[in-house]
Amino acid sequence: MSLVVTVVAPTAPATAWSLWSDVGSWPVWNPECVSATLDGPAGEGTVLDLTLRHPRGREFITRPRVSATVPGREFGWETRGLGFRATTHTTFAARGDDTLITLRGDTVGPLAFTYRMTMTDRMLAVLYTRMLDALVDEVRS
């Protein structure tokens, strides 16, 4: 299953990427993030410790690993569970003076449905949209 959310931020890609890749600052501008830390530099394999708000209001903890970092262009992470892999990949592309930000979530594997029982497409769409809207609000302020 795949889900894609796209927004346009009124800033350069490097600025948007800088905010997004500074995981430790997420709780400052992202109302969906309760806490966030990286276990090292933002490079492939680094573990993110995230406490996020589920769209239904409860908090949940996830510990994905960074799977992609290209400064100014992309940042992604991956969560693995028994029988599934959930990836989140965000890209930043210049669109005139603005930035087109695309967040894509994919869940694959024989037991992917177990993850989707808790994080349905609708729930992920709400979570991703709120996160990206908060990023846009942050660059506007």
N, C-alpha and C. Protein backbone atom coordinates (compact mmCIF):
# COMPACT_ATOMS: atom_id res chain seq x y z
N MET A 1 0.84 -1.17 0.00
CA MET A 1 0.00 0.00 0.00
C MET A 1 0.89 1.24 0.00
N SER A 2 0.49 2.23 -0.77
CA SER A 2 1.22 3.49 -0.83
C SER A 2 0.28 4.65 -0.58
N LEU A 3 0.83 5.69 0.00
CA LEU A 3 0.10 6.91 0.26
C LEU A 3 1.03 8.07 -0.03
N VAL A 4 0.56 9.08 -0.76
CA VAL A 4 1.39 10.23 -1.10
C VAL A 4 0.65 11.50 -0.71
N VAL A 5 1.36 12.40 0.00
CA VAL A 5 0.84 13.71 0.38
C VAL A 5 1.85 14.74 -0.11
N THR A 6 1.35 15.80 -0.76
CA THR A 6 2.22 16.83 -1.32
C THR A 6 1.74 18.21 -0.90
N VAL A 7 2.69 19.08 -0.56
CA VAL A 7 2.40 20.47 -0.25
C VAL A 7 3.43 21.35 -0.95
N VAL A 8 3.11 22.64 -1.05
CA VAL A 8 4.07 23.62 -1.57
C VAL A 8 4.40 24.56 -0.43
N ALA A 9 5.69 24.66 -0.11
CA ALA A 9 6.14 25.54 0.97
C ALA A 9 6.79 26.78 0.36
N PRO A 10 6.49 27.96 0.92
CA PRO A 10 7.04 29.20 0.39
C PRO A 10 8.47 29.46 0.87
N THR A 11 9.38 28.58 0.46
CA THR A 11 10.78 28.69 0.86
C THR A 11 11.63 27.84 -0.09
N ALA A 12 12.93 28.00 0.01
CA ALA A 12 13.86 27.21 -0.81
C ALA A 12 13.91 25.77 -0.29
N PRO A 13 14.21 24.80 -1.16
CA PRO A 13 14.30 23.40 -0.73
C PRO A 13 15.27 23.19 0.43
N ALA A 14 16.39 23.88 0.43
CA ALA A 14 17.37 23.70 1.51
C ALA A 14 16.80 24.10 2.86
N THR A 15 15.98 25.14 2.90
CA THR A 15 15.37 25.58 4.15
C THR A 15 14.35 24.57 4.64
N ALA A 16 13.47 24.11 3.75
CA ALA A 16 12.46 23.11 4.13
C ALA A 16 13.13 21.81 4.58
N TRP A 17 14.15 21.39 3.83
CA TRP A 17 14.86 20.15 4.18
C TRP A 17 15.55 20.31 5.53
N SER A 18 16.12 21.45 5.78
CA SER A 18 16.82 21.71 7.04
C SER A 18 15.87 21.55 8.23
N LEU A 19 14.67 22.10 8.13
CA LEU A 19 13.68 21.95 9.20
C LEU A 19 13.26 20.49 9.36
N TRP A 20 12.99 19.83 8.25
CA TRP A 20 12.50 18.45 8.28
C TRP A 20 13.57 17.49 8.79
N SER A 21 14.81 17.71 8.40
CA SER A 21 15.88 16.78 8.79
C SER A 21 16.41 17.06 10.20
N ASP A 22 16.06 18.20 10.79
CA ASP A 22 16.43 18.50 12.17
C ASP A 22 15.38 17.89 13.09
N VAL A 23 15.42 16.58 13.18
CA VAL A 23 14.40 15.82 13.89
C VAL A 23 14.21 16.31 15.32
N GLY A 24 15.27 16.70 15.99
CA GLY A 24 15.19 17.16 17.37
C GLY A 24 14.32 18.39 17.55
N SER A 25 14.14 19.17 16.48
CA SER A 25 13.31 20.39 16.58
C SER A 25 11.84 20.13 16.24
N TRP A 26 11.50 18.93 15.83
CA TRP A 26 10.11 18.65 15.45
C TRP A 26 9.09 19.05 16.52
N PRO A 27 9.30 18.73 17.79
CA PRO A 27 8.28 19.09 18.79
C PRO A 27 8.03 20.60 18.89
N VAL A 28 8.97 21.41 18.45
CA VAL A 28 8.83 22.87 18.51
C VAL A 28 7.77 23.36 17.52
N TRP A 29 7.78 22.81 16.30
CA TRP A 29 6.89 23.32 15.25
C TRP A 29 5.84 22.31 14.79
N ASN A 30 5.99 21.05 15.17
CA ASN A 30 5.11 19.99 14.67
C ASN A 30 4.18 19.51 15.78
N PRO A 31 2.90 19.91 15.76
CA PRO A 31 1.99 19.52 16.83
C PRO A 31 1.72 18.03 16.90
N GLU A 32 2.08 17.28 15.88
CA GLU A 32 1.87 15.83 15.88
C GLU A 32 3.03 15.10 16.55
N CYS A 33 4.10 15.83 16.91
CA CYS A 33 5.30 15.23 17.48
C CYS A 33 5.44 15.65 18.95
N VAL A 34 5.43 14.67 19.83
CA VAL A 34 5.58 14.91 21.27
C VAL A 34 7.06 15.00 21.62
N SER A 35 7.86 14.06 21.11
CA SER A 35 9.31 14.08 21.33
C SER A 35 10.01 13.43 20.14
N ALA A 36 11.26 13.86 19.93
CA ALA A 36 12.02 13.32 18.80
C ALA A 36 13.50 13.49 19.06
N THR A 37 14.25 12.41 18.90
CA THR A 37 15.70 12.46 18.99
C THR A 37 16.29 11.51 17.96
N LEU A 38 17.54 11.76 17.64
CA LEU A 38 18.30 10.88 16.76
C LEU A 38 19.41 10.26 17.59
N ASP A 39 19.66 8.99 17.39
CA ASP A 39 20.77 8.31 18.07
C ASP A 39 22.04 8.47 17.24
N GLY A 40 22.45 9.71 17.01
CA GLY A 40 23.63 9.99 16.21
C GLY A 40 23.31 10.97 15.11
N PRO A 41 24.25 11.15 14.16
CA PRO A 41 24.01 12.09 13.05
C PRO A 41 22.93 11.55 12.11
N ALA A 42 22.27 12.46 11.40
CA ALA A 42 21.17 12.08 10.50
C ALA A 42 21.71 11.40 9.25
N GLY A 43 22.20 10.19 9.41
CA GLY A 43 22.71 9.41 8.29
C GLY A 43 22.02 8.07 8.22
N GLU A 44 22.22 7.37 7.12
CA GLU A 44 21.57 6.07 6.94
C GLU A 44 21.92 5.13 8.09
N GLY A 45 20.89 4.49 8.63
CA GLY A 45 21.06 3.56 9.73
C GLY A 45 20.85 4.15 11.11
N THR A 46 20.87 5.48 11.22
CA THR A 46 20.65 6.13 12.50
C THR A 46 19.21 5.90 12.96
N VAL A 47 19.03 5.62 14.24
CA VAL A 47 17.70 5.37 14.79
C VAL A 47 17.07 6.69 15.22
N LEU A 48 15.81 6.87 14.83
CA LEU A 48 15.00 8.00 15.31
C LEU A 48 14.15 7.49 16.45
N ASP A 49 14.13 8.21 17.55
CA ASP A 49 13.21 7.90 18.66
C ASP A 49 12.09 8.93 18.58
N LEU A 50 10.92 8.48 18.18
CA LEU A 50 9.79 9.39 17.99
C LEU A 50 8.61 9.01 18.87
N THR A 51 8.01 10.02 19.48
CA THR A 51 6.71 9.86 20.12
C THR A 51 5.79 10.80 19.35
N LEU A 52 4.83 10.22 18.67
CA LEU A 52 3.91 10.98 17.82
C LEU A 52 2.49 10.87 18.34
N ARG A 53 1.65 11.79 17.88
CA ARG A 53 0.23 11.74 18.22
C ARG A 53 -0.52 11.07 17.07
N HIS A 54 -1.18 10.00 17.38
CA HIS A 54 -2.06 9.34 16.41
C HIS A 54 -3.22 10.30 16.16
N PRO A 55 -3.75 10.36 14.94
CA PRO A 55 -4.89 11.25 14.67
C PRO A 55 -6.08 11.06 15.61
N ARG A 56 -6.20 9.92 16.25
CA ARG A 56 -7.29 9.70 17.21
C ARG A 56 -6.95 10.25 18.60
N GLY A 57 -5.76 10.86 18.73
CA GLY A 57 -5.41 11.54 19.97
C GLY A 57 -4.42 10.83 20.88
N ARG A 58 -4.27 9.53 20.74
CA ARG A 58 -3.33 8.84 21.63
C ARG A 58 -1.91 8.97 21.09
N GLU A 59 -0.96 8.82 21.98
CA GLU A 59 0.44 8.90 21.58
C GLU A 59 0.97 7.50 21.29
N PHE A 60 1.94 7.43 20.39
CA PHE A 60 2.59 6.16 20.12
C PHE A 60 4.07 6.40 19.89
N ILE A 61 4.85 5.39 20.19
CA ILE A 61 6.30 5.46 20.05
C ILE A 61 6.71 4.62 18.86
N THR A 62 7.65 5.13 18.08
CA THR A 62 8.20 4.38 16.97
C THR A 62 9.70 4.64 16.92
N ARG A 63 10.45 3.66 16.46
CA ARG A 63 11.91 3.78 16.38
C ARG A 63 12.39 3.38 14.98
N PRO A 64 12.06 4.16 13.98
CA PRO A 64 12.53 3.83 12.63
C PRO A 64 14.01 4.14 12.46
N ARG A 65 14.58 3.59 11.40
CA ARG A 65 15.98 3.89 11.03
C ARG A 65 15.97 4.78 9.80
N VAL A 66 16.87 5.75 9.82
CA VAL A 66 17.03 6.61 8.65
C VAL A 66 17.46 5.74 7.47
N SER A 67 16.77 5.89 6.35
CA SER A 67 17.07 5.08 5.17
C SER A 67 17.61 5.90 4.01
N ALA A 68 17.44 7.22 4.06
CA ALA A 68 17.93 8.07 2.96
C ALA A 68 18.13 9.49 3.45
N THR A 69 19.26 10.07 3.11
CA THR A 69 19.50 11.49 3.36
C THR A 69 20.31 12.04 2.21
N VAL A 70 19.73 12.99 1.52
CA VAL A 70 20.43 13.76 0.50
C VAL A 70 20.14 15.22 0.83
N PRO A 71 21.13 15.92 1.40
CA PRO A 71 20.90 17.29 1.86
C PRO A 71 20.18 18.15 0.82
N GLY A 72 19.10 18.78 1.29
CA GLY A 72 18.31 19.66 0.44
C GLY A 72 17.34 18.96 -0.47
N ARG A 73 17.41 17.62 -0.55
CA ARG A 73 16.57 16.91 -1.53
C ARG A 73 15.70 15.79 -0.98
N GLU A 74 16.21 15.00 -0.03
CA GLU A 74 15.38 13.89 0.45
C GLU A 74 15.79 13.44 1.85
N PHE A 75 14.80 12.90 2.55
CA PHE A 75 15.01 12.36 3.89
C PHE A 75 13.98 11.25 4.08
N GLY A 76 14.44 10.08 4.48
CA GLY A 76 13.51 8.96 4.64
C GLY A 76 13.88 8.07 5.79
N TRP A 77 12.90 7.28 6.26
CA TRP A 77 13.14 6.33 7.33
C TRP A 77 12.29 5.10 7.10
N GLU A 78 12.65 4.05 7.83
CA GLU A 78 12.00 2.76 7.66
C GLU A 78 11.76 2.10 9.01
N THR A 79 10.58 1.56 9.17
CA THR A 79 10.21 0.79 10.36
C THR A 79 9.98 -0.65 9.93
N ARG A 80 10.56 -1.57 10.66
CA ARG A 80 10.36 -2.99 10.36
C ARG A 80 9.65 -3.66 11.52
N GLY A 81 8.73 -4.51 11.18
CA GLY A 81 8.02 -5.30 12.17
C GLY A 81 7.93 -6.73 11.66
N LEU A 82 7.40 -7.59 12.46
CA LEU A 82 7.27 -8.99 12.07
C LEU A 82 6.37 -9.08 10.83
N GLY A 83 6.96 -9.40 9.70
CA GLY A 83 6.20 -9.60 8.47
C GLY A 83 5.84 -8.35 7.69
N PHE A 84 6.40 -7.19 8.06
CA PHE A 84 6.11 -5.98 7.28
C PHE A 84 7.27 -4.99 7.39
N ARG A 85 7.28 -4.07 6.44
CA ARG A 85 8.23 -2.95 6.43
C ARG A 85 7.45 -1.71 6.01
N ALA A 86 7.52 -0.66 6.84
CA ALA A 86 6.84 0.60 6.54
C ALA A 86 7.91 1.66 6.30
N THR A 87 7.86 2.29 5.13
CA THR A 87 8.83 3.32 4.80
C THR A 87 8.13 4.66 4.64
N THR A 88 8.84 5.70 5.03
CA THR A 88 8.39 7.07 4.85
C THR A 88 9.52 7.80 4.15
N HIS A 89 9.22 8.40 3.01
CA HIS A 89 10.25 9.05 2.20
C HIS A 89 9.75 10.43 1.80
N THR A 90 10.52 11.46 2.12
CA THR A 90 10.12 12.83 1.83
C THR A 90 11.13 13.45 0.88
N THR A 91 10.62 14.07 -0.19
CA THR A 91 11.49 14.74 -1.16
C THR A 91 11.15 16.23 -1.20
N PHE A 92 12.16 17.00 -1.58
CA PHE A 92 12.07 18.46 -1.64
C PHE A 92 12.57 18.91 -3.00
N ALA A 93 11.70 19.56 -3.79
CA ALA A 93 12.06 19.97 -5.15
C ALA A 93 11.70 21.43 -5.36
N ALA A 94 12.61 22.16 -5.99
CA ALA A 94 12.35 23.57 -6.29
C ALA A 94 11.17 23.69 -7.23
N ARG A 95 10.34 24.67 -6.95
CA ARG A 95 9.19 24.99 -7.80
C ARG A 95 9.13 26.52 -7.84
N GLY A 96 9.93 27.10 -8.71
CA GLY A 96 10.09 28.55 -8.71
C GLY A 96 10.81 28.95 -7.45
N ASP A 97 10.25 29.88 -6.69
CA ASP A 97 10.83 30.30 -5.41
C ASP A 97 10.36 29.43 -4.25
N ASP A 98 9.49 28.47 -4.53
CA ASP A 98 8.89 27.63 -3.50
C ASP A 98 9.50 26.23 -3.55
N THR A 99 9.00 25.38 -2.65
CA THR A 99 9.45 23.99 -2.59
C THR A 99 8.26 23.06 -2.63
N LEU A 100 8.30 22.12 -3.53
CA LEU A 100 7.31 21.05 -3.59
C LEU A 100 7.80 19.94 -2.67
N ILE A 101 7.05 19.67 -1.62
CA ILE A 101 7.43 18.64 -0.65
C ILE A 101 6.47 17.48 -0.83
N THR A 102 7.03 16.31 -1.08
CA THR A 102 6.22 15.11 -1.28
C THR A 102 6.62 14.07 -0.26
N LEU A 103 5.66 13.61 0.51
CA LEU A 103 5.87 12.58 1.50
C LEU A 103 5.14 11.33 1.03
N ARG A 104 5.89 10.25 0.93
CA ARG A 104 5.32 8.99 0.45
C ARG A 104 5.50 7.94 1.53
N GLY A 105 4.43 7.28 1.88
CA GLY A 105 4.48 6.18 2.83
C GLY A 105 4.11 4.89 2.14
N ASP A 106 4.91 3.86 2.36
CA ASP A 106 4.66 2.54 1.77
C ASP A 106 4.73 1.48 2.86
N THR A 107 3.86 0.51 2.79
CA THR A 107 3.90 -0.62 3.69
C THR A 107 3.82 -1.89 2.86
N VAL A 108 4.81 -2.75 3.04
CA VAL A 108 4.87 -3.99 2.26
C VAL A 108 5.16 -5.17 3.19
N GLY A 109 4.85 -6.34 2.69
CA GLY A 109 5.14 -7.58 3.41
C GLY A 109 3.88 -8.38 3.65
N PRO A 110 4.06 -9.66 3.95
CA PRO A 110 2.90 -10.54 4.10
C PRO A 110 1.99 -10.17 5.28
N LEU A 111 2.53 -9.45 6.27
CA LEU A 111 1.71 -9.05 7.41
C LEU A 111 1.50 -7.54 7.47
N ALA A 112 1.61 -6.88 6.32
CA ALA A 112 1.43 -5.42 6.27
C ALA A 112 0.03 -5.03 6.76
N PHE A 113 -0.93 -5.92 6.57
CA PHE A 113 -2.30 -5.61 7.00
C PHE A 113 -2.37 -5.38 8.51
N THR A 114 -1.48 -5.99 9.29
CA THR A 114 -1.51 -5.78 10.74
C THR A 114 -1.16 -4.34 11.09
N TYR A 115 -0.19 -3.78 10.38
CA TYR A 115 0.18 -2.38 10.58
C TYR A 115 -0.96 -1.48 10.13
N ARG A 116 -1.58 -1.82 8.99
CA ARG A 116 -2.66 -1.02 8.43
C ARG A 116 -3.95 -1.09 9.25
N MET A 117 -4.06 -2.04 10.14
CA MET A 117 -5.24 -2.09 11.01
C MET A 117 -5.19 -0.92 12.00
N THR A 118 -3.99 -0.53 12.42
CA THR A 118 -3.82 0.59 13.35
C THR A 118 -3.61 1.90 12.60
N MET A 119 -2.78 1.86 11.59
CA MET A 119 -2.46 3.07 10.81
C MET A 119 -3.08 2.92 9.42
N THR A 120 -4.38 3.17 9.34
CA THR A 120 -5.08 3.07 8.07
C THR A 120 -4.61 4.17 7.12
N ASP A 121 -4.94 4.04 5.85
CA ASP A 121 -4.58 5.09 4.89
C ASP A 121 -5.13 6.44 5.32
N ARG A 122 -6.35 6.45 5.81
CA ARG A 122 -6.95 7.71 6.25
C ARG A 122 -6.17 8.30 7.41
N MET A 123 -5.82 7.47 8.39
CA MET A 123 -5.07 7.96 9.55
C MET A 123 -3.70 8.48 9.14
N LEU A 124 -3.01 7.73 8.27
CA LEU A 124 -1.70 8.19 7.81
C LEU A 124 -1.82 9.48 7.01
N ALA A 125 -2.86 9.59 6.18
CA ALA A 125 -3.06 10.81 5.40
C ALA A 125 -3.26 12.01 6.32
N VAL A 126 -4.05 11.83 7.37
CA VAL A 126 -4.27 12.92 8.33
C VAL A 126 -2.96 13.27 9.03
N LEU A 127 -2.23 12.27 9.51
CA LEU A 127 -0.96 12.50 10.21
C LEU A 127 0.04 13.21 9.29
N TYR A 128 0.24 12.69 8.09
CA TYR A 128 1.21 13.27 7.16
C TYR A 128 0.80 14.69 6.76
N THR A 129 -0.49 14.90 6.51
CA THR A 129 -0.96 16.23 6.11
C THR A 129 -0.74 17.23 7.24
N ARG A 130 -1.06 16.85 8.45
CA ARG A 130 -0.85 17.75 9.59
C ARG A 130 0.63 18.09 9.76
N MET A 131 1.49 17.09 9.60
CA MET A 131 2.93 17.32 9.73
C MET A 131 3.43 18.29 8.66
N LEU A 132 3.04 18.05 7.41
CA LEU A 132 3.52 18.91 6.33
C LEU A 132 2.91 20.30 6.42
N ASP A 133 1.63 20.39 6.80
CA ASP A 133 1.02 21.72 6.99
C ASP A 133 1.75 22.50 8.09
N ALA A 134 2.16 21.80 9.15
CA ALA A 134 2.90 22.47 10.23
C ALA A 134 4.25 22.95 9.74
N LEU A 135 4.89 22.18 8.86
CA LEU A 135 6.17 22.60 8.27
C LEU A 135 5.98 23.87 7.45
N VAL A 136 4.92 23.90 6.64
CA VAL A 136 4.63 25.09 5.83
C VAL A 136 4.36 26.28 6.75
N ASP A 137 3.59 26.08 7.80
CA ASP A 137 3.31 27.17 8.75
C ASP A 137 4.61 27.68 9.39
N GLU A 138 5.52 26.77 9.69
CA GLU A 138 6.78 27.16 10.31
C GLU A 138 7.63 28.03 9.38
N VAL A 139 7.69 27.68 8.10
CA VAL A 139 8.50 28.50 7.19
C VAL A 139 7.83 29.84 6.90
N ARG A 140 6.51 29.92 7.08
CA ARG A 140 5.81 31.18 6.89
C ARG A 140 5.98 32.13 8.07
N SER A 141 6.27 31.57 9.26
CA SER A 141 6.36 32.42 10.46
C SER A 141 7.71 33.10 10.59
